[in-house]
Amino acid sequence: MDIAIIDYKMSNLHSVQAACRKVGLSSVITSDQAQILDAKIAVLPGVGAFSKAMNHLVELKLDDCIYRFIESGKPFIGICLGLQLLFDESDEFGKHTGLGIVKGKVKKFHFLENSNSKHPIPQIGWNKVQQTSTIWKDTFLGDNYNDDFMYFVHSHYVVPEDENIILSTTTYGTTEYCSAIKQDNIFATQFHPEKSGKIGIKIYEGIKNKIG
């Protein structure tokens, strides 16, 4: 099995699987630890509340499975909430502890005003990803370009302690925030590659090429 899509009972799983299928990646939607650990790559997608997601991961013992998979050195991918869950904590509906694999916090957007236009929460729709000083060449963004448009749906954003892991930033209103990271064998995005049309599919093609 190429890809294990981690099922913790609150994710947008089937669109990720459809993107895998489109580029010829075999995938399984699963909460079975053995299947996840046996896969070449694991994907943690996510839609929903941070605290509820963490509770589900713990109840299903998937938190330990994620730690073990990442320790194996195989590529691990987080998408949207799946990115945020990797961090130490979130301020969504109070303070909640995350997986603590990536040092930093998850913070909420506030209503912003810029040139008399409002920026509602959540941010829903297309926005640019802008390359940082970190080179994309050897990452899953290697076939993408600065200022590519990706699809976002989120009310919170991550603030890594180590800015060197930030691959891209995105600006919403007056807030410039981290929209993709690479830390060791972890690649994670705030945007949804599987919902970002041909531009997002390039990421899945990069995953396919990585597997070879």
Protein backbone atom coordinates (compact mmCIF):
# COMPACT_ATOMS: atom_id res chain seq x y z
CA MET A 1 0.00 0.00 0.00
CA ASP A 2 1.37 3.41 -1.02
CA ILE A 3 -0.70 5.72 1.18
CA ALA A 4 -2.48 5.24 4.51
CA ILE A 5 -5.10 7.95 5.00
CA ILE A 6 -5.60 8.13 8.75
CA ASP A 7 -9.26 7.84 9.72
CA TYR A 8 -10.07 9.40 13.07
CA LYS A 9 -13.78 9.76 12.33
CA MET A 10 -13.92 13.45 11.47
CA SER A 11 -11.91 14.08 8.33
CA ASN A 12 -12.52 14.82 4.68
CA LEU A 13 -11.05 11.50 3.67
CA HIS A 14 -12.55 10.61 0.32
CA SER A 15 -11.36 13.71 -1.52
CA VAL A 16 -7.80 12.84 -0.47
CA GLN A 17 -8.29 9.30 -1.69
CA ALA A 18 -9.70 10.60 -4.98
CA ALA A 19 -6.59 12.75 -5.50
CA CYS A 20 -4.39 9.71 -4.81
CA ARG A 21 -6.37 7.67 -7.31
CA LYS A 22 -6.06 10.38 -9.94
CA VAL A 23 -2.25 10.16 -9.95
CA GLY A 24 -2.10 6.38 -9.60
CA LEU A 25 -1.36 6.04 -5.90
CA SER A 26 -2.89 3.09 -4.09
CA SER A 27 -4.45 4.18 -0.80
CA VAL A 28 -6.54 2.93 2.08
CA ILE A 29 -8.67 4.89 4.54
CA THR A 30 -7.94 3.26 7.87
CA SER A 31 -7.63 3.56 11.62
CA ASP A 32 -5.81 0.22 11.82
CA GLN A 33 -2.36 0.83 13.26
CA ALA A 34 -0.74 -2.08 11.44
CA GLN A 35 -1.98 -0.83 8.07
CA ILE A 36 -0.79 2.69 8.80
CA LEU A 37 2.65 1.60 9.95
CA ASP A 38 3.04 -0.67 6.92
CA ALA A 39 2.27 2.11 4.39
CA LYS A 40 4.99 3.92 2.46
CA ILE A 41 3.46 7.32 3.34
CA ALA A 42 0.83 8.34 5.91
CA VAL A 43 -1.56 11.26 5.48
CA LEU A 44 -3.37 12.99 8.35
CA PRO A 45 -6.18 15.05 6.84
CA GLY A 46 -8.59 17.07 8.89
CA VAL A 47 -11.76 19.10 9.06
CA GLY A 48 -13.28 20.12 12.38
CA ALA A 49 -12.42 21.21 15.91
CA PHE A 50 -8.91 20.74 17.30
CA SER A 51 -9.89 19.38 20.73
CA LYS A 52 -12.40 16.90 19.34
CA ALA A 53 -9.86 15.67 16.82
CA MET A 54 -7.23 15.15 19.53
CA ASN A 55 -9.73 13.25 21.65
CA HIS A 56 -10.49 10.95 18.73
CA LEU A 57 -6.79 10.35 18.04
CA VAL A 58 -6.19 9.41 21.68
CA GLU A 59 -9.30 7.22 21.96
CA LEU A 60 -8.31 5.30 18.82
CA LYS A 61 -4.66 5.13 19.99
CA LEU A 62 -3.66 6.83 16.77
CA ASP A 63 -1.51 9.39 18.55
CA ASP A 64 1.05 6.71 19.44
CA CYS A 65 0.79 5.29 15.92
CA ILE A 66 1.58 8.72 14.43
CA TYR A 67 4.62 9.10 16.70
CA ARG A 68 5.88 5.68 15.64
CA PHE A 69 5.32 6.33 11.97
CA ILE A 70 7.18 9.63 12.04
CA GLU A 71 10.03 8.01 14.00
CA SER A 72 10.34 5.46 11.19
CA GLY A 73 11.55 8.23 8.88
CA LYS A 74 8.94 7.56 6.20
CA PRO A 75 7.16 10.62 4.72
CA PHE A 76 4.27 11.92 6.82
CA ILE A 77 1.81 14.47 5.43
CA GLY A 78 -0.63 16.70 7.34
CA ILE A 79 -3.45 18.63 5.69
CA CYS A 80 -5.36 21.58 7.24
CA LEU A 81 -6.37 20.42 10.73
CA GLY A 82 -3.84 17.62 10.20
CA LEU A 83 -1.13 20.32 10.12
CA GLN A 84 -2.44 22.01 13.26
CA LEU A 85 -2.66 18.79 15.28
CA LEU A 86 1.10 18.33 14.91
CA PHE A 87 1.74 21.44 17.03
CA ASP A 88 2.02 21.86 20.80
CA GLU A 89 -1.28 23.58 21.47
CA SER A 90 -4.27 25.44 20.05
CA ASP A 91 -6.40 28.28 21.40
CA GLU A 92 -9.54 26.99 19.66
CA PHE A 93 -12.38 27.04 22.24
CA GLY A 94 -9.86 27.29 25.08
CA LYS A 95 -6.33 25.94 25.39
CA HIS A 96 -5.83 22.41 24.15
CA THR A 97 -2.74 20.22 23.83
CA GLY A 98 -1.73 18.84 20.44
CA LEU A 99 0.64 16.06 19.40
CA GLY A 100 3.68 18.25 20.16
CA ILE A 101 5.70 16.96 17.21
CA VAL A 102 6.23 20.46 15.82
CA LYS A 103 7.07 23.20 18.31
CA GLY A 104 4.67 26.13 18.16
CA LYS A 105 1.06 27.19 18.61
CA VAL A 106 -2.19 27.39 16.69
CA LYS A 107 -3.91 30.78 16.80
CA LYS A 108 -7.24 32.15 15.60
CA PHE A 109 -7.80 34.79 12.97
CA HIS A 110 -9.64 37.88 14.12
CA PHE A 111 -12.00 39.93 12.03
CA LEU A 112 -9.85 42.28 10.06
CA GLU A 113 -10.57 45.46 8.17
CA ASN A 114 -8.44 46.59 5.28
CA SER A 115 -9.48 49.32 2.83
CA ASN A 116 -13.02 49.14 4.22
CA SER A 117 -13.38 45.47 3.25
CA LYS A 118 -13.96 42.78 5.85
CA HIS A 119 -12.23 39.43 5.96
CA PRO A 120 -14.65 36.91 7.46
CA ILE A 121 -13.73 33.88 9.53
CA PRO A 122 -13.29 31.17 8.44
CA GLN A 123 -11.24 31.99 5.39
CA ILE A 124 -12.90 30.01 2.61
CA GLY A 125 -11.57 30.06 -0.92
CA TRP A 126 -8.48 30.57 -3.02
CA ASN A 127 -5.35 32.35 -1.83
CA LYS A 128 -1.69 32.57 -2.84
CA VAL A 129 1.14 30.56 -1.34
CA GLN A 130 4.36 32.53 -1.29
CA GLN A 131 7.75 30.87 -1.12
CA THR A 132 10.01 31.64 1.82
CA SER A 133 13.79 31.50 1.65
CA THR A 134 13.52 27.72 2.04
CA ILE A 135 13.97 25.99 -1.32
CA TRP A 136 11.00 23.96 -2.55
CA LYS A 137 13.02 21.76 -4.92
CA ASP A 138 13.37 18.72 -2.68
CA THR A 139 9.89 18.97 -1.13
CA PHE A 140 6.42 18.00 -2.29
CA LEU A 141 6.04 21.62 -3.47
CA GLY A 142 8.90 21.06 -5.88
CA ASP A 143 6.69 21.29 -8.99
CA ASN A 144 4.79 24.32 -7.75
CA TYR A 145 5.54 28.02 -8.15
CA ASN A 146 5.61 31.09 -5.97
CA ASP A 147 2.16 32.74 -5.89
CA ASP A 148 0.30 29.57 -6.91
CA PHE A 149 -3.30 29.69 -5.73
CA MET A 150 -4.46 26.98 -3.31
CA TYR A 151 -7.80 26.33 -1.65
CA PHE A 152 -8.22 27.15 2.05
CA VAL A 153 -10.94 26.52 4.65
CA HIS A 154 -9.83 27.48 8.16
CA SER A 155 -10.27 29.79 11.14
CA HIS A 156 -6.89 29.13 12.75
CA TYR A 157 -3.28 29.18 11.60
CA VAL A 158 -0.01 27.77 12.89
CA VAL A 159 2.91 29.73 14.34
CA PRO A 160 6.04 27.54 14.34
CA GLU A 161 8.80 28.37 16.83
CA ASP A 162 11.39 27.51 14.20
CA GLU A 163 10.80 29.76 11.19
CA ASN A 164 13.26 27.70 9.17
CA ILE A 165 10.67 24.93 8.72
CA ILE A 166 8.22 27.29 6.97
CA LEU A 167 7.98 26.52 3.24
CA SER A 168 5.29 29.03 2.35
CA THR A 169 3.31 31.90 3.79
CA THR A 170 -0.11 33.26 2.86
CA THR A 171 -1.69 36.62 3.66
CA TYR A 172 -5.29 37.00 4.76
CA GLY A 173 -6.35 40.53 5.57
CA THR A 174 -3.35 41.99 7.39
CA THR A 175 -2.13 38.63 8.73
CA GLU A 176 0.74 36.84 7.04
CA TYR A 177 0.83 33.27 8.31
CA CYS A 178 2.54 29.94 7.70
CA SER A 179 0.71 27.87 5.07
CA ALA A 180 3.16 24.97 4.62
CA ILE A 181 6.00 23.39 6.57
CA LYS A 182 8.72 20.78 6.18
CA GLN A 183 10.33 19.37 9.28
CA ASP A 184 12.55 16.34 8.68
CA ASN A 185 10.20 13.74 7.11
CA ILE A 186 7.06 15.79 7.81
CA PHE A 187 5.37 17.85 5.09
CA ALA A 188 2.16 19.64 6.04
CA THR A 189 -0.09 22.31 4.57
CA GLN A 190 -2.83 24.59 5.80
CA PHE A 191 -4.42 24.52 2.35
CA HIS A 192 -6.14 21.53 0.76
CA PRO A 193 -4.06 20.21 -2.16
CA GLU A 194 -6.83 17.76 -3.04
CA LYS A 195 -9.26 20.67 -3.53
CA SER A 196 -6.81 22.93 -5.35
CA GLY A 197 -7.35 21.69 -8.90
CA LYS A 198 -4.41 20.97 -11.20
CA ILE A 199 -2.06 23.05 -9.04
CA GLY A 200 -2.80 20.96 -5.96
CA ILE A 201 -2.61 17.69 -7.90
CA LYS A 202 1.04 18.53 -8.61
CA ILE A 203 1.71 17.80 -4.95
CA TYR A 204 0.19 14.33 -5.28
CA GLU A 205 2.22 13.78 -8.43
CA GLY A 206 5.30 14.67 -6.39
CA ILE A 207 4.30 12.09 -3.82
CA LYS A 208 3.91 9.53 -6.58
CA ASN A 209 7.37 10.37 -7.91
CA LYS A 210 8.83 10.08 -4.40
CA ILE A 211 7.56 6.53 -4.13
CA GLY A 212 8.85 5.80 -7.63
